[in-house]
Amino acid sequence: MRNDPFQRLGLDREVLTVSQLNQRARLLLEDVFPQVWVEGELSNLARPASGHVYFTLKDSNAQIRCALFRQNALRVRQALRDGLAVKVRGKISLFEDAATTS
């Protein structure tokens, strides 16, 4: 029997709505990566009035948009700035309302 991930996930015949696809992608990411260390360079740093910190973490080949929520941002001891090389730990998730995929 072939080990087909589409069959295992029930996607070989099922037609999903956009919302269903995003929800399943989020659940899969959260299951596979409950906690992960990632290293990269900070860019596009934004600090809105909410106290959250939004940034892009990138390397020479890829980038990912990140959110550091207020309660965790308050614990960061180093000044964050664009171009700073960092190692971060967190969970990966997907914002279902506005996911970018390809």
Protein backbone atom coordinates (compact mmCIF):
# COMPACT_ATOMS: atom_id res chain seq x y z
CA MET A 1 0.00 0.00 0.00
CA ARG A 2 1.29 3.40 -0.98
CA ASN A 3 2.04 5.88 1.83
CA ASP A 4 0.18 8.79 0.23
CA PRO A 5 -0.19 11.82 2.52
CA PHE A 6 -3.23 13.00 0.56
CA GLN A 7 -5.02 9.72 1.31
CA ARG A 8 -3.95 9.80 4.98
CA LEU A 9 -5.39 13.31 5.32
CA GLY A 10 -8.53 12.45 3.38
CA LEU A 11 -7.69 14.93 0.63
CA ASP A 12 -7.56 12.57 -2.32
CA ARG A 13 -11.30 12.98 -3.05
CA GLU A 14 -12.56 15.66 -0.70
CA VAL A 15 -13.14 19.19 -1.97
CA LEU A 16 -12.36 21.75 0.73
CA THR A 17 -13.47 25.31 1.19
CA VAL A 18 -10.73 27.92 1.57
CA SER A 19 -11.52 28.13 5.29
CA GLN A 20 -11.27 24.36 5.69
CA LEU A 21 -7.94 24.23 3.87
CA ASN A 22 -6.47 27.01 6.02
CA GLN A 23 -7.75 25.38 9.20
CA ARG A 24 -6.23 22.00 8.29
CA ALA A 25 -2.94 23.63 7.32
CA ARG A 26 -2.84 25.47 10.67
CA LEU A 27 -3.60 22.30 12.64
CA LEU A 28 -0.95 20.34 10.74
CA LEU A 29 1.72 23.00 11.32
CA GLU A 30 0.89 23.26 15.01
CA ASP A 31 1.02 19.47 15.37
CA VAL A 32 4.33 18.99 13.57
CA PHE A 33 6.08 22.03 15.11
CA PRO A 34 4.79 22.47 18.70
CA GLN A 35 8.03 24.32 19.54
CA VAL A 36 10.83 25.13 17.13
CA TRP A 37 14.12 27.07 17.18
CA VAL A 38 14.77 29.19 14.09
CA GLU A 39 17.67 31.48 13.24
CA GLY A 40 17.60 34.34 10.82
CA GLU A 41 17.78 38.09 10.37
CA LEU A 42 15.12 40.54 11.53
CA SER A 43 13.57 42.89 8.99
CA ASN A 44 10.42 44.99 8.63
CA LEU A 45 10.24 45.47 12.40
CA ALA A 46 6.99 47.13 13.52
CA ARG A 47 5.88 48.08 17.03
CA PRO A 48 2.24 49.20 17.06
CA ALA A 49 0.57 50.74 20.11
CA SER A 50 -0.75 47.30 21.12
CA GLY A 51 2.71 46.39 22.41
CA HIS A 52 3.07 43.47 20.02
CA VAL A 53 6.15 43.30 17.79
CA TYR A 54 5.76 42.22 14.17
CA PHE A 55 8.73 41.36 11.98
CA THR A 56 10.00 39.25 9.12
CA LEU A 57 12.58 36.59 9.91
CA LYS A 58 14.67 35.83 6.84
CA ASP A 59 17.73 34.10 5.49
CA SER A 60 19.26 34.22 2.02
CA ASN A 61 16.57 31.94 0.54
CA ALA A 62 13.32 32.43 2.44
CA GLN A 63 11.34 34.56 4.86
CA ILE A 64 8.51 34.16 7.32
CA ARG A 65 6.32 36.81 8.94
CA CYS A 66 6.29 36.64 12.73
CA ALA A 67 4.40 38.07 15.68
CA LEU A 68 5.88 38.54 19.15
CA PHE A 69 2.91 39.18 21.38
CA ARG A 70 3.03 41.85 24.07
CA GLN A 71 3.52 39.64 27.13
CA ASN A 72 6.50 37.93 25.49
CA ALA A 73 7.85 41.16 23.97
CA LEU A 74 8.11 42.63 27.47
CA ARG A 75 10.58 39.85 28.39
CA VAL A 76 13.00 40.49 25.52
CA ARG A 77 16.16 42.04 26.95
CA GLN A 78 17.97 42.90 23.73
CA ALA A 79 17.01 45.89 21.60
CA LEU A 80 15.46 44.55 18.41
CA ARG A 81 16.38 46.24 15.14
CA ASP A 82 16.32 45.49 11.44
CA GLY A 83 19.38 43.50 10.38
CA LEU A 84 19.89 41.84 13.78
CA ALA A 85 20.79 38.13 13.58
CA VAL A 86 18.69 36.19 16.09
CA LYS A 87 17.79 32.71 17.26
CA VAL A 88 14.16 32.53 18.32
CA ARG A 89 11.98 29.83 19.80
CA GLY A 90 8.28 29.62 19.31
CA LYS A 91 5.40 27.77 17.81
CA ILE A 92 4.49 28.01 14.19
CA SER A 93 0.89 28.62 13.27
CA LEU A 94 -1.11 30.04 10.41
CA PHE A 95 -3.43 33.02 10.55
CA GLU A 96 -6.43 31.40 8.87
CA ASP A 97 -8.16 34.60 7.75
CA ALA A 98 -5.31 35.79 5.54
CA ALA A 99 -2.90 32.95 4.80
CA THR A 100 -0.52 33.34 1.89
CA THR A 101 0.19 30.07 0.11
CA SER A 102 1.54 28.89 -3.20
